[in-house]
Protein backbone atom coordinates (compact mmCIF):
# COMPACT_ATOMS: atom_id res chain seq x y z
CA UNK A 1 0.11 -0.83 0.33
CA UNK A 2 0.45 3.26 -0.51
CA UNK A 3 2.34 5.38 2.26
CA UNK A 4 -0.48 8.41 3.08
CA UNK A 5 1.25 11.46 1.39
CA UNK A 6 0.22 14.64 3.69
CA UNK A 7 -0.29 17.89 2.35
CA UNK A 8 2.89 20.24 2.30
CA UNK A 9 3.74 23.37 4.25
CA UNK A 10 2.98 25.70 2.18
CA UNK A 11 -0.70 24.59 0.16
CA UNK A 12 -1.30 23.73 4.06
CA UNK A 13 -0.27 27.97 3.95
CA UNK A 14 -2.82 28.28 0.91
CA UNK A 15 -5.72 26.51 2.67
CA UNK A 16 -5.11 28.72 5.64
CA UNK A 17 -5.44 31.84 3.69
CA UNK A 18 -8.81 31.00 2.12
CA UNK A 19 -10.53 30.20 4.86
CA UNK A 20 -9.06 33.49 6.35
CA UNK A 21 -10.52 35.11 4.39
CA UNK A 22 -13.37 33.04 3.64
CA UNK A 23 -13.20 34.62 7.43
CA UNK A 24 -13.05 38.05 6.30
CA UNK A 25 -16.01 38.48 4.67
CA UNK A 26 -18.09 36.39 6.53
CA UNK A 27 -17.08 39.01 9.24
CA UNK A 28 -17.72 42.50 6.56
CA UNK A 29 -20.75 40.63 6.02
CA UNK A 30 -22.27 40.18 9.19
CA UNK A 31 -20.43 42.63 11.16
CA UNK A 32 -21.54 45.71 8.57
CA UNK A 33 -25.03 44.62 7.91
CA UNK A 34 -26.47 41.65 10.40
CA UNK A 35 -26.51 39.05 8.82
CA UNK A 36 -26.34 36.18 11.03
CA UNK A 37 -26.23 33.19 8.75
CA UNK A 38 -22.53 35.37 8.11
CA UNK A 39 -21.75 34.84 11.54
CA UNK A 40 -22.04 31.46 11.36
CA UNK A 41 -20.19 30.83 8.19
CA UNK A 42 -17.47 33.09 9.86
CA UNK A 43 -17.04 30.60 12.96
CA UNK A 44 -17.25 27.26 10.51
CA UNK A 45 -13.83 29.83 8.90
CA UNK A 46 -12.07 29.71 12.25
CA UNK A 47 -12.95 26.43 13.19
CA UNK A 48 -10.83 25.75 10.26
CA UNK A 49 -8.31 27.54 11.00
CA UNK A 50 -8.01 26.40 14.42
CA UNK A 51 -7.62 22.53 13.21
CA UNK A 52 -4.62 24.28 10.03
CA UNK A 53 -3.11 26.21 12.17
CA UNK A 54 -2.35 22.86 14.62
CA UNK A 55 -1.61 20.73 11.25
CA UNK A 56 0.65 23.56 10.10
CA UNK A 57 2.91 23.29 13.00
CA UNK A 58 3.09 19.87 12.83
CA UNK A 59 4.34 19.52 9.25
CA UNK A 60 6.34 21.98 9.88
CA UNK A 61 8.86 20.62 12.62
CA UNK A 62 8.48 17.31 10.73
CA UNK A 63 9.91 18.49 7.76
CA UNK A 64 12.63 20.67 10.24
CA UNK A 65 14.07 17.26 11.34
CA UNK A 66 13.61 15.62 7.97
CA UNK A 67 16.16 18.44 6.85
């Protein structure tokens, strides 16, 4: 069986940037217009950022150790 390949730190960083963009857009929609569903999407994006940040940290440590 092939070993499961984790995304690189570059790919994870891109995903974090995309999640932050989503957070920013939805936060603005909620803060400026009072859109409650945008607030929910903002919270979801925050959770995704937290998950991705943990993954990035693990990948970064693994890459440093493999050098």
